Amino acid sequence: MAWDFMGKSGLKTTAEQTGHTSQKLFGGDKPDIFSGIGLIVNSVLGLVGVAFLMLMMYGGYLWMTAQGNEGQVEKAIGIMKAAVIGLVLTFSAFAISVLVMSVFGEGAIN
């Protein structure tokens, strides 16, 4: 007989008290467009973070293996600058979307 983890550990009670009783695709018992948009935005931000990390690692690798080759160093610096600019633009867009969602959707992006 399997042990009822959710029932006996107190996790279910804690989840109910904090309002985290269900995890549907668009969140909560009544899915709405703002929860869906929040899920999509958070997923895209996660992918942007991974892409930023990979570009920074690639730029650093090019720089460390340049062995005095100025062209390769300039390429590495360009990649890393572009990655930082892309990250700043992405988070600026995120800040604008949070502002818009908080005005129209009662702060639906968590």
PDB file of N, CA and C in Angstrom:
ATOM      1  N   MET A   1       0.846  -1.181   0.000  1.00  0.00           N
ATOM      2  CA  MET A   1       0.000   0.000   0.000  1.00  0.00           C
ATOM      3  C   MET A   1       0.892   1.247   0.000  1.00  0.00           C
ATOM      4  N   ALA A   2       0.609   2.159  -0.904  1.00  0.00           N
ATOM      5  CA  ALA A   2       1.423   3.363  -1.049  1.00  0.00           C
ATOM      6  C   ALA A   2       1.053   4.391   0.005  1.00  0.00           C
ATOM      7  N   TRP A   3       2.038   5.098   0.476  1.00  0.00           N
ATOM      8  CA  TRP A   3       1.821   6.136   1.473  1.00  0.00           C
ATOM      9  C   TRP A   3       1.240   7.369   0.787  1.00  0.00           C
ATOM     10  N   ASP A   4       0.194   7.959   1.330  1.00  0.00           N
ATOM     11  CA  ASP A   4      -0.463   9.131   0.759  1.00  0.00           C
ATOM     12  C   ASP A   4       0.338  10.384   1.134  1.00  0.00           C
ATOM     13  N   PHE A   5       1.314  10.717   0.298  1.00  0.00           N
ATOM     14  CA  PHE A   5       2.209  11.838   0.601  1.00  0.00           C
ATOM     15  C   PHE A   5       1.446  13.152   0.708  1.00  0.00           C
ATOM     16  N   MET A   6       0.579  13.437  -0.281  1.00  0.00           N
ATOM     17  CA  MET A   6      -0.140  14.715  -0.285  1.00  0.00           C
ATOM     18  C   MET A   6      -1.064  14.852   0.925  1.00  0.00           C
ATOM     19  N   GLY A   7      -1.692  13.747   1.333  1.00  0.00           N
ATOM     20  CA  GLY A   7      -2.640  13.820   2.429  1.00  0.00           C
ATOM     21  C   GLY A   7      -1.997  13.828   3.796  1.00  0.00           C
ATOM     22  N   LYS A   8      -0.922  13.091   3.969  1.00  0.00           N
ATOM     23  CA  LYS A   8      -0.333  12.915   5.298  1.00  0.00           C
ATOM     24  C   LYS A   8       0.851  13.826   5.605  1.00  0.00           C
ATOM     25  N   SER A   9       1.425  14.445   4.598  1.00  0.00           N
ATOM     26  CA  SER A   9       2.595  15.276   4.848  1.00  0.00           C
ATOM     27  C   SER A   9       2.238  16.708   5.229  1.00  0.00           C
ATOM     28  N   GLY A  10       1.000  17.090   5.022  1.00  0.00           N
ATOM     29  CA  GLY A  10       0.599  18.466   5.293  1.00  0.00           C
ATOM     30  C   GLY A  10       0.803  19.386   4.114  1.00  0.00           C
ATOM     31  N   LEU A  11       1.335  18.861   3.014  1.00  0.00           N
ATOM     32  CA  LEU A  11       1.590  19.677   1.833  1.00  0.00           C
ATOM     33  C   LEU A  11       0.288  20.174   1.211  1.00  0.00           C
ATOM     34  N   LYS A  12      -0.722  19.306   1.171  1.00  0.00           N
ATOM     35  CA  LYS A  12      -2.002  19.695   0.585  1.00  0.00           C
ATOM     36  C   LYS A  12      -2.650  20.817   1.403  1.00  0.00           C
ATOM     37  N   THR A  13      -2.605  20.721   2.715  1.00  0.00           N
ATOM     38  CA  THR A  13      -3.179  21.750   3.580  1.00  0.00           C
ATOM     39  C   THR A  13      -2.455  23.079   3.377  1.00  0.00           C
ATOM     40  N   THR A  14      -1.148  23.028   3.310  1.00  0.00           N
ATOM     41  CA  THR A  14      -0.364  24.247   3.091  1.00  0.00           C
ATOM     42  C   THR A  14      -0.691  24.867   1.739  1.00  0.00           C
ATOM     43  N   ALA A  15      -0.807  24.039   0.714  1.00  0.00           N
ATOM     44  CA  ALA A  15      -1.138  24.544  -0.623  1.00  0.00           C
ATOM     45  C   ALA A  15      -2.512  25.192  -0.641  1.00  0.00           C
ATOM     46  N   GLU A  16      -3.477  24.577   0.036  1.00  0.00           N
ATOM     47  CA  GLU A  16      -4.820  25.155   0.073  1.00  0.00           C
ATOM     48  C   GLU A  16      -4.829  26.481   0.818  1.00  0.00           C
ATOM     49  N   GLN A  17      -4.054  26.596   1.887  1.00  0.00           N
ATOM     50  CA  GLN A  17      -4.017  27.834   2.663  1.00  0.00           C
ATOM     51  C   GLN A  17      -3.351  28.974   1.901  1.00  0.00           C
ATOM     52  N   THR A  18      -2.449  28.651   1.000  1.00  0.00           N
ATOM     53  CA  THR A  18      -1.770  29.690   0.229  1.00  0.00           C
ATOM     54  C   THR A  18      -2.422  29.937  -1.116  1.00  0.00           C
ATOM     55  N   GLY A  19      -3.461  29.174  -1.445  1.00  0.00           N
ATOM     56  CA  GLY A  19      -4.169  29.390  -2.704  1.00  0.00           C
ATOM     57  C   GLY A  19      -3.559  28.676  -3.888  1.00  0.00           C
ATOM     58  N   HIS A  20      -2.727  27.690  -3.659  1.00  0.00           N
ATOM     59  CA  HIS A  20      -2.075  26.943  -4.744  1.00  0.00           C
ATOM     60  C   HIS A  20      -2.658  25.536  -4.834  1.00  0.00           C
ATOM     61  N   THR A  21      -3.945  25.450  -5.114  1.00  0.00           N
ATOM     62  CA  THR A  21      -4.596  24.145  -5.089  1.00  0.00           C
ATOM     63  C   THR A  21      -4.518  23.404  -6.409  1.00  0.00           C
ATOM     64  N   SER A  22      -4.386  24.087  -7.532  1.00  0.00           N
ATOM     65  CA  SER A  22      -4.315  23.375  -8.806  1.00  0.00           C
ATOM     66  C   SER A  22      -3.315  24.064  -9.714  1.00  0.00           C
ATOM     67  N   GLN A  23      -2.739  23.280 -10.597  1.00  0.00           N
ATOM     68  CA  GLN A  23      -1.767  23.799 -11.557  1.00  0.00           C
ATOM     69  C   GLN A  23      -2.191  23.372 -12.956  1.00  0.00           C
ATOM     70  N   LYS A  24      -3.174  24.054 -13.512  1.00  0.00           N
ATOM     71  CA  LYS A  24      -3.569  23.801 -14.884  1.00  0.00           C
ATOM     72  C   LYS A  24      -2.628  24.565 -15.794  1.00  0.00           C
ATOM     73  N   LEU A  25      -2.788  24.347 -17.107  1.00  0.00           N
ATOM     74  CA  LEU A  25      -1.898  24.977 -18.074  1.00  0.00           C
ATOM     75  C   LEU A  25      -1.863  26.489 -17.907  1.00  0.00           C
ATOM     76  N   PHE A  26      -3.014  27.114 -17.734  1.00  0.00           N
ATOM     77  CA  PHE A  26      -3.053  28.556 -17.590  1.00  0.00           C
ATOM     78  C   PHE A  26      -3.279  28.981 -16.151  1.00  0.00           C
ATOM     79  N   GLY A  27      -3.086  28.065 -15.203  1.00  0.00           N
ATOM     80  CA  GLY A  27      -3.093  28.390 -13.781  1.00  0.00           C
ATOM     81  C   GLY A  27      -4.468  28.566 -13.175  1.00  0.00           C
ATOM     82  N   GLY A  28      -4.644  28.017 -11.991  1.00  0.00           N
ATOM     83  CA  GLY A  28      -5.851  28.221 -11.219  1.00  0.00           C
ATOM     84  C   GLY A  28      -7.049  27.427 -11.694  1.00  0.00           C
ATOM     85  N   ASP A  29      -8.161  27.639 -11.006  1.00  0.00           N
ATOM     86  CA  ASP A  29      -9.397  26.945 -11.347  1.00  0.00           C
ATOM     87  C   ASP A  29     -10.114  27.592 -12.524  1.00  0.00           C
ATOM     88  N   LYS A  30      -9.967  28.905 -12.653  1.00  0.00           N
ATOM     89  CA  LYS A  30     -10.607  29.613 -13.755  1.00  0.00           C
ATOM     90  C   LYS A  30      -9.522  30.218 -14.646  1.00  0.00           C
ATOM     91  N   PRO A  31      -9.125  29.508 -15.690  1.00  0.00           N
ATOM     92  CA  PRO A  31      -8.077  30.052 -16.555  1.00  0.00           C
ATOM     93  C   PRO A  31      -8.548  31.330 -17.260  1.00  0.00           C
ATOM     94  N   ASP A  32      -7.673  32.299 -17.353  1.00  0.00           N
ATOM     95  CA  ASP A  32      -7.983  33.514 -18.082  1.00  0.00           C
ATOM     96  C   ASP A  32      -6.809  33.871 -18.984  1.00  0.00           C
ATOM     97  N   ILE A  33      -7.021  34.849 -19.812  1.00  0.00           N
ATOM     98  CA  ILE A  33      -6.009  35.219 -20.809  1.00  0.00           C
ATOM     99  C   ILE A  33      -4.752  35.765 -20.150  1.00  0.00           C
ATOM    100  N   PHE A  34      -4.894  36.445 -19.012  1.00  0.00           N
ATOM    101  CA  PHE A  34      -3.736  37.049 -18.368  1.00  0.00           C
ATOM    102  C   PHE A  34      -2.814  35.989 -17.766  1.00  0.00           C
ATOM    103  N   SER A  35      -3.390  34.930 -17.231  1.00  0.00           N
ATOM    104  CA  SER A  35      -2.564  33.833 -16.706  1.00  0.00           C
ATOM    105  C   SER A  35      -1.812  33.149 -17.850  1.00  0.00           C
ATOM    106  N   GLY A  36      -2.474  32.992 -18.983  1.00  0.00           N
ATOM    107  CA  GLY A  36      -1.830  32.385 -20.146  1.00  0.00           C
ATOM    108  C   GLY A  36      -0.695  33.231 -20.676  1.00  0.00           C
ATOM    109  N   ILE A  37      -0.926  34.523 -20.754  1.00  0.00           N
ATOM    110  CA  ILE A  37       0.124  35.431 -21.208  1.00  0.00           C
ATOM    111  C   ILE A  37       1.293  35.420 -20.232  1.00  0.00           C
ATOM    112  N   GLY A  38       0.983  35.388 -18.933  1.00  0.00           N
ATOM    113  CA  GLY A  38       2.047  35.341 -17.928  1.00  0.00           C
ATOM    114  C   GLY A  38       2.883  34.084 -18.055  1.00  0.00           C
ATOM    115  N   LEU A  39       2.230  32.956 -18.318  1.00  0.00           N
ATOM    116  CA  LEU A  39       2.954  31.694 -18.503  1.00  0.00           C
ATOM    117  C   LEU A  39       3.865  31.761 -19.719  1.00  0.00           C
ATOM    118  N   ILE A  40       3.358  32.313 -20.807  1.00  0.00           N
ATOM    119  CA  ILE A  40       4.153  32.422 -22.032  1.00  0.00           C
ATOM    120  C   ILE A  40       5.337  33.366 -21.829  1.00  0.00           C
ATOM    121  N   VAL A  41       5.091  34.515 -21.199  1.00  0.00           N
ATOM    122  CA  VAL A  41       6.163  35.494 -20.975  1.00  0.00           C
ATOM    123  C   VAL A  41       7.249  34.901 -20.083  1.00  0.00           C
ATOM    124  N   ASN A  42       6.850  34.218 -19.019  1.00  0.00           N
ATOM    125  CA  ASN A  42       7.847  33.623 -18.122  1.00  0.00           C
ATOM    126  C   ASN A  42       8.641  32.529 -18.818  1.00  0.00           C
ATOM    127  N   SER A  43       7.993  31.759 -19.694  1.00  0.00           N
ATOM    128  CA  SER A  43       8.713  30.724 -20.444  1.00  0.00           C
ATOM    129  C   SER A  43       9.724  31.334 -21.403  1.00  0.00           C
ATOM    130  N   VAL A  44       9.303  32.377 -22.095  1.00  0.00           N
ATOM    131  CA  VAL A  44      10.212  33.043 -23.038  1.00  0.00           C
ATOM    132  C   VAL A  44      11.384  33.667 -22.289  1.00  0.00           C
ATOM    133  N   LEU A  45      11.138  34.255 -21.125  1.00  0.00           N
ATOM    134  CA  LEU A  45      12.233  34.837 -20.351  1.00  0.00           C
ATOM    135  C   LEU A  45      13.228  33.774 -19.896  1.00  0.00           C
ATOM    136  N   GLY A  46      12.734  32.597 -19.573  1.00  0.00           N
ATOM    137  CA  GLY A  46      13.637  31.500 -19.231  1.00  0.00           C
ATOM    138  C   GLY A  46      14.522  31.118 -20.401  1.00  0.00           C
ATOM    139  N   LEU A  47      13.935  31.055 -21.597  1.00  0.00           N
ATOM    140  CA  LEU A  47      14.718  30.733 -22.793  1.00  0.00           C
ATOM    141  C   LEU A  47      15.721  31.836 -23.118  1.00  0.00           C
ATOM    142  N   VAL A  48      15.329  33.086 -22.909  1.00  0.00           N
ATOM    143  CA  VAL A  48      16.252  34.202 -23.148  1.00  0.00           C
ATOM    144  C   VAL A  48      17.434  34.127 -22.188  1.00  0.00           C
ATOM    145  N   GLY A  49      17.170  33.761 -20.943  1.00  0.00           N
ATOM    146  CA  GLY A  49      18.250  33.611 -19.975  1.00  0.00           C
ATOM    147  C   GLY A  49      19.232  32.525 -20.378  1.00  0.00           C
ATOM    148  N   VAL A  50      18.716  31.416 -20.886  1.00  0.00           N
ATOM    149  CA  VAL A  50      19.593  30.330 -21.341  1.00  0.00           C
ATOM    150  C   VAL A  50      20.405  30.779 -22.559  1.00  0.00           C
ATOM    151  N   ALA A  51      19.744  31.471 -23.496  1.00  0.00           N
ATOM    152  CA  ALA A  51      20.453  31.960 -24.683  1.00  0.00           C
ATOM    153  C   ALA A  51      21.546  32.953 -24.291  1.00  0.00           C
ATOM    154  N   PHE A  52      21.254  33.841 -23.331  1.00  0.00           N
ATOM    155  CA  PHE A  52      22.249  34.802 -22.861  1.00  0.00           C
ATOM    156  C   PHE A  52      23.455  34.080 -22.263  1.00  0.00           C
ATOM    157  N   LEU A  53      23.190  33.090 -21.436  1.00  0.00           N
ATOM    158  CA  LEU A  53      24.272  32.337 -20.818  1.00  0.00           C
ATOM    159  C   LEU A  53      25.139  31.655 -21.875  1.00  0.00           C
ATOM    160  N   MET A  54      24.504  31.042 -22.859  1.00  0.00           N
ATOM    161  CA  MET A  54      25.258  30.352 -23.916  1.00  0.00           C
ATOM    162  C   MET A  54      26.102  31.339 -24.739  1.00  0.00           C
ATOM    163  N   LEU A  55      25.525  32.484 -25.082  1.00  0.00           N
ATOM    164  CA  LEU A  55      26.283  33.471 -25.852  1.00  0.00           C
ATOM    165  C   LEU A  55      27.461  34.025 -25.054  1.00  0.00           C
ATOM    166  N   MET A  56      27.260  34.253 -23.775  1.00  0.00           N
ATOM    167  CA  MET A  56      28.360  34.747 -22.947  1.00  0.00           C
ATOM    168  C   MET A  56      29.462  33.690 -22.824  1.00  0.00           C
ATOM    169  N   MET A  57      29.069  32.439 -22.678  1.00  0.00           N
ATOM    170  CA  MET A  57      30.070  31.375 -22.597  1.00  0.00           C
ATOM    171  C   MET A  57      30.824  31.230 -23.917  1.00  0.00           C
ATOM    172  N   TYR A  58      30.105  31.327 -25.039  1.00  0.00           N
ATOM    173  CA  TYR A  58      30.753  31.231 -26.348  1.00  0.00           C
ATOM    174  C   TYR A  58      31.704  32.398 -26.570  1.00  0.00           C
ATOM    175  N   GLY A  59      31.259  33.620 -26.225  1.00  0.00           N
ATOM    176  CA  GLY A  59      32.130  34.788 -26.357  1.00  0.00           C
ATOM    177  C   GLY A  59      33.364  34.668 -25.475  1.00  0.00           C
ATOM    178  N   GLY A  60      33.174  34.188 -24.243  1.00  0.00           N
ATOM    179  CA  GLY A  60      34.317  33.992 -23.348  1.00  0.00           C
ATOM    180  C   GLY A  60      35.271  32.933 -23.862  1.00  0.00           C
ATOM    181  N   TYR A  61      34.724  31.865 -24.440  1.00  0.00           N
ATOM    182  CA  TYR A  61      35.568  30.814 -25.011  1.00  0.00           C
ATOM    183  C   TYR A  61      36.390  31.360 -26.176  1.00  0.00           C
ATOM    184  N   LEU A  62      35.739  32.137 -27.051  1.00  0.00           N
ATOM    185  CA  LEU A  62      36.482  32.732 -28.176  1.00  0.00           C
ATOM    186  C   LEU A  62      37.587  33.643 -27.667  1.00  0.00           C
ATOM    187  N   TRP A  63      37.297  34.418 -26.653  1.00  0.00           N
ATOM    188  CA  TRP A  63      38.274  35.348 -26.114  1.00  0.00           C
ATOM    189  C   TRP A  63      39.452  34.599 -25.493  1.00  0.00           C
ATOM    190  N   MET A  64      39.150  33.564 -24.716  1.00  0.00           N
ATOM    191  CA  MET A  64      40.215  32.833 -24.027  1.00  0.00           C
ATOM    192  C   MET A  64      41.084  32.014 -24.988  1.00  0.00           C
ATOM    193  N   THR A  65      40.527  31.639 -26.128  1.00  0.00           N
ATOM    194  CA  THR A  65      41.295  30.835 -27.083  1.00  0.00           C
ATOM    195  C   THR A  65      41.846  31.675 -28.235  1.00  0.00           C
ATOM    196  N   ALA A  66      41.770  33.002 -28.120  1.00  0.00           N
ATOM    197  CA  ALA A  66      42.221  33.878 -29.212  1.00  0.00           C
ATOM    198  C   ALA A  66      43.728  33.816 -29.416  1.00  0.00           C
ATOM    199  N   GLN A  67      44.495  33.600 -28.395  1.00  0.00           N
ATOM    200  CA  GLN A  67      45.956  33.511 -28.459  1.00  0.00           C
ATOM    201  C   GLN A  67      46.578  34.708 -29.174  1.00  0.00           C
ATOM    202  N   GLY A  68      46.090  35.897 -28.825  1.00  0.00           N
ATOM    203  CA  GLY A  68      46.652  37.109 -29.399  1.00  0.00           C
ATOM    204  C   GLY A  68      46.043  37.533 -30.713  1.00  0.00           C
ATOM    205  N   ASN A  69      45.110  36.782 -31.257  1.00  0.00           N
ATOM    206  CA  ASN A  69      44.455  37.130 -32.510  1.00  0.00           C
ATOM    207  C   ASN A  69      43.428  38.230 -32.238  1.00  0.00           C
ATOM    208  N   GLU A  70      43.750  39.465 -32.645  1.00  0.00           N
ATOM    209  CA  GLU A  70      42.885  40.610 -32.367  1.00  0.00           C
ATOM    210  C   GLU A  70      41.520  40.485 -33.018  1.00  0.00           C
ATOM    211  N   GLY A  71      41.454  39.879 -34.184  1.00  0.00           N
ATOM    212  CA  GLY A  71      40.174  39.699 -34.866  1.00  0.00           C
ATOM    213  C   GLY A  71      39.227  38.818 -34.068  1.00  0.00           C
ATOM    214  N   GLN A  72      39.759  37.766 -33.485  1.00  0.00           N
ATOM    215  CA  GLN A  72      38.929  36.865 -32.694  1.00  0.00           C
ATOM    216  C   GLN A  72      38.507  37.521 -31.381  1.00  0.00           C
ATOM    217  N   VAL A  73      39.384  38.327 -30.810  1.00  0.00           N
ATOM    218  CA  VAL A  73      39.036  39.043 -29.581  1.00  0.00           C
ATOM    219  C   VAL A  73      37.911  40.035 -29.861  1.00  0.00           C
ATOM    220  N   GLU A  74      38.008  40.759 -30.964  1.00  0.00           N
ATOM    221  CA  GLU A  74      36.958  41.718 -31.325  1.00  0.00           C
ATOM    222  C   GLU A  74      35.634  41.004 -31.576  1.00  0.00           C
ATOM    223  N   LYS A  75      35.681  39.844 -32.210  1.00  0.00           N
ATOM    224  CA  LYS A  75      34.465  39.062 -32.450  1.00  0.00           C
ATOM    225  C   LYS A  75      33.845  38.632 -31.118  1.00  0.00           C
ATOM    226  N   ALA A  76      34.673  38.182 -30.187  1.00  0.00           N
ATOM    227  CA  ALA A  76      34.182  37.748 -28.874  1.00  0.00           C
ATOM    228  C   ALA A  76      33.556  38.914 -28.124  1.00  0.00           C
ATOM    229  N   ILE A  77      34.206  40.060 -28.145  1.00  0.00           N
ATOM    230  CA  ILE A  77      33.658  41.233 -27.460  1.00  0.00           C
ATOM    231  C   ILE A  77      32.340  41.646 -28.103  1.00  0.00           C
ATOM    232  N   GLY A  78      32.265  41.580 -29.427  1.00  0.00           N
ATOM    233  CA  GLY A  78      31.024  41.919 -30.129  1.00  0.00           C
ATOM    234  C   GLY A  78      29.877  40.980 -29.748  1.00  0.00           C
ATOM    235  N   ILE A  79      30.168  39.693 -29.653  1.00  0.00           N
ATOM    236  CA  ILE A  79      29.139  38.722 -29.256  1.00  0.00           C
ATOM    237  C   ILE A  79      28.655  39.006 -27.847  1.00  0.00           C
ATOM    238  N   MET A  80      29.584  39.287 -26.953  1.00  0.00           N
ATOM    239  CA  MET A  80      29.198  39.526 -25.562  1.00  0.00           C
ATOM    240  C   MET A  80      28.437  40.844 -25.416  1.00  0.00           C
ATOM    241  N   LYS A  81      28.823  41.880 -26.154  1.00  0.00           N
ATOM    242  CA  LYS A  81      28.087  43.148 -26.125  1.00  0.00           C
ATOM    243  C   LYS A  81      26.669  42.953 -26.661  1.00  0.00           C
ATOM    244  N   ALA A  82      26.549  42.224 -27.756  1.00  0.00           N
ATOM    245  CA  ALA A  82      25.229  41.982 -28.337  1.00  0.00           C
ATOM    246  C   ALA A  82      24.346  41.184 -27.382  1.00  0.00           C
ATOM    247  N   ALA A  83      24.928  40.235 -26.664  1.00  0.00           N
ATOM    248  CA  ALA A  83      24.161  39.441 -25.701  1.00  0.00           C
ATOM    249  C   ALA A  83      23.649  40.320 -24.564  1.00  0.00           C
ATOM    250  N   VAL A  84      24.490  41.214 -24.068  1.00  0.00           N
ATOM    251  CA  VAL A  84      24.070  42.103 -22.977  1.00  0.00           C
ATOM    252  C   VAL A  84      22.994  43.072 -23.462  1.00  0.00           C
ATOM    253  N   ILE A  85      23.162  43.629 -24.653  1.00  0.00           N
ATOM    254  CA  ILE A  85      22.155  44.545 -25.201  1.00  0.00           C
ATOM    255  C   ILE A  85      20.828  43.811 -25.395  1.00  0.00           C
ATOM    256  N   GLY A  86      20.874  42.590 -25.910  1.00  0.00           N
ATOM    257  CA  GLY A  86      19.663  41.800 -26.073  1.00  0.00           C
ATOM    258  C   GLY A  86      18.976  41.515 -24.755  1.00  0.00           C
ATOM    259  N   LEU A  87      19.759  41.225 -23.731  1.00  0.00           N
ATOM    260  CA  LEU A  87      19.196  40.962 -22.407  1.00  0.00           C
ATOM    261  C   LEU A  87      18.536  42.222 -21.839  1.00  0.00           C
ATOM    262  N   VAL A  88      19.187  43.364 -21.990  1.00  0.00           N
ATOM    263  CA  VAL A  88      18.622  44.625 -21.500  1.00  0.00           C
ATOM    264  C   VAL A  88      17.318  44.944 -22.234  1.00  0.00           C
ATOM    265  N   LEU A  89      17.295  44.758 -23.548  1.00  0.00           N
ATOM    266  CA  LEU A  89      16.071  45.016 -24.308  1.00  0.00           C
ATOM    267  C   LEU A  89      14.949  44.066 -23.903  1.00  0.00           C
ATOM    268  N   THR A  90      15.286  42.809 -23.687  1.00  0.00           N
ATOM    269  CA  THR A  90      14.274  41.831 -23.295  1.00  0.00           C
ATOM    270  C   THR A  90      13.675  42.169 -21.946  1.00  0.00           C
ATOM    271  N   PHE A  91      14.502  42.517 -20.979  1.00  0.00           N
ATOM    272  CA  PHE A  91      13.972  42.838 -19.663  1.00  0.00           C
ATOM    273  C   PHE A  91      13.262  44.189 -19.636  1.00  0.00           C
ATOM    274  N   SER A  92      13.637  45.085 -20.534  1.00  0.00           N
ATOM    275  CA  SER A  92      12.876  46.331 -20.666  1.00  0.00           C
ATOM    276  C   SER A  92      11.481  46.035 -21.204  1.00  0.00           C
ATOM    277  N   ALA A  93      11.405  45.157 -22.197  1.00  0.00           N
ATOM    278  CA  ALA A  93      10.102  44.758 -22.728  1.00  0.00           C
ATOM    279  C   ALA A  93       9.282  44.048 -21.659  1.00  0.00           C
ATOM    280  N   PHE A  94       9.940  43.236 -20.829  1.00  0.00           N
ATOM    281  CA  PHE A  94       9.246  42.563 -19.733  1.00  0.00           C
ATOM    282  C   PHE A  94       8.685  43.575 -18.745  1.00  0.00           C
ATOM    283  N   ALA A  95       9.477  44.594 -18.422  1.00  0.00           N
ATOM    284  CA  ALA A  95       9.012  45.615 -17.484  1.00  0.00           C
ATOM    285  C   ALA A  95       7.799  46.357 -18.046  1.00  0.00           C
ATOM    286  N   ILE A  96       7.825  46.641 -19.335  1.00  0.00           N
ATOM    287  CA  ILE A  96       6.678  47.301 -19.964  1.00  0.00           C
ATOM    288  C   ILE A  96       5.460  46.389 -19.938  1.00  0.00           C
ATOM    289  N   SER A  97       5.657  45.094 -20.217  1.00  0.00           N
ATOM    290  CA  SER A  97       4.517  44.173 -20.202  1.00  0.00           C
ATOM    291  C   SER A  97       3.954  44.009 -18.796  1.00  0.00           C
ATOM    292  N   VAL A  98       4.797  44.020 -17.778  1.00  0.00           N
ATOM    293  CA  VAL A  98       4.300  43.950 -16.397  1.00  0.00           C
ATOM    294  C   VAL A  98       3.481  45.194 -16.086  1.00  0.00           C
ATOM    295  N   LEU A  99       3.948  46.341 -16.525  1.00  0.00           N
ATOM    296  CA  LEU A  99       3.206  47.577 -16.306  1.00  0.00           C
ATOM    297  C   LEU A  99       1.840  47.520 -16.978  1.00  0.00           C
ATOM    298  N   VAL A 100       1.814  47.089 -18.237  1.00  0.00           N
ATOM    299  CA  VAL A 100       0.553  47.017 -18.969  1.00  0.00           C
ATOM    300  C   VAL A 100      -0.379  45.988 -18.345  1.00  0.00           C
ATOM    301  N   MET A 101       0.165  44.819 -17.982  1.00  0.00           N
ATOM    302  CA  MET A 101      -0.663  43.772 -17.384  1.00  0.00           C
ATOM    303  C   MET A 101      -1.182  44.189 -16.015  1.00  0.00           C
ATOM    304  N   SER A 102      -0.397  44.952 -15.266  1.00  0.00           N
ATOM    305  CA  SER A 102      -0.871  45.380 -13.949  1.00  0.00           C
ATOM    306  C   SER A 102      -1.993  46.401 -14.079  1.00  0.00           C
ATOM    307  N   VAL A 103      -1.956  47.196 -15.144  1.00  0.00           N
ATOM    308  CA  VAL A 103      -3.024  48.174 -15.364  1.00  0.00           C
ATOM    309  C   VAL A 103      -4.293  47.473 -15.839  1.00  0.00           C
ATOM    310  N   PHE A 104      -4.151  46.533 -16.797  1.00  0.00           N
ATOM    311  CA  PHE A 104      -5.326  45.911 -17.399  1.00  0.00           C
ATOM    312  C   PHE A 104      -5.728  44.581 -16.764  1.00  0.00           C
ATOM    313  N   GLY A 105      -4.795  43.905 -16.101  1.00  0.00           N
ATOM    314  CA  GLY A 105      -5.107  42.570 -15.620  1.00  0.00           C
ATOM    315  C   GLY A 105      -4.842  42.335 -14.156  1.00  0.00           C
ATOM    316  N   GLU A 106      -4.797  43.379 -13.360  1.00  0.00           N
ATOM    317  CA  GLU A 106      -4.589  43.257 -11.921  1.00  0.00           C
ATOM    318  C   GLU A 106      -3.320  42.501 -11.568  1.00  0.00           C
ATOM    319  N   GLY A 107      -2.226  42.771 -12.274  1.00  0.00           N
ATOM    320  CA  GLY A 107      -0.932  42.169 -11.955  1.00  0.00           C
ATOM    321  C   GLY A 107      -0.881  40.687 -12.182  1.00  0.00           C
ATOM    322  N   ALA A 108      -1.322  40.213 -13.345  1.00  0.00           N
ATOM    323  CA  ALA A 108      -1.442  38.777 -13.597  1.00  0.00           C
ATOM    324  C   ALA A 108      -0.108  38.076 -13.789  1.00  0.00           C
ATOM    325  N   ILE A 109       0.954  38.808 -14.125  1.00  0.00           N
ATOM    326  CA  ILE A 109       2.256  38.162 -14.327  1.00  0.00           C
ATOM    327  C   ILE A 109       2.939  38.036 -12.979  1.00  0.00           C
ATOM    328  N   ASN A 110       3.236  36.807 -12.599  1.00  0.00           N
ATOM    329  CA  ASN A 110       3.882  36.567 -11.295  1.00  0.00           C
ATOM    330  C   ASN A 110       5.333  36.261 -11.479  1.00  0.00           C
TER     331      ASN A 110
END
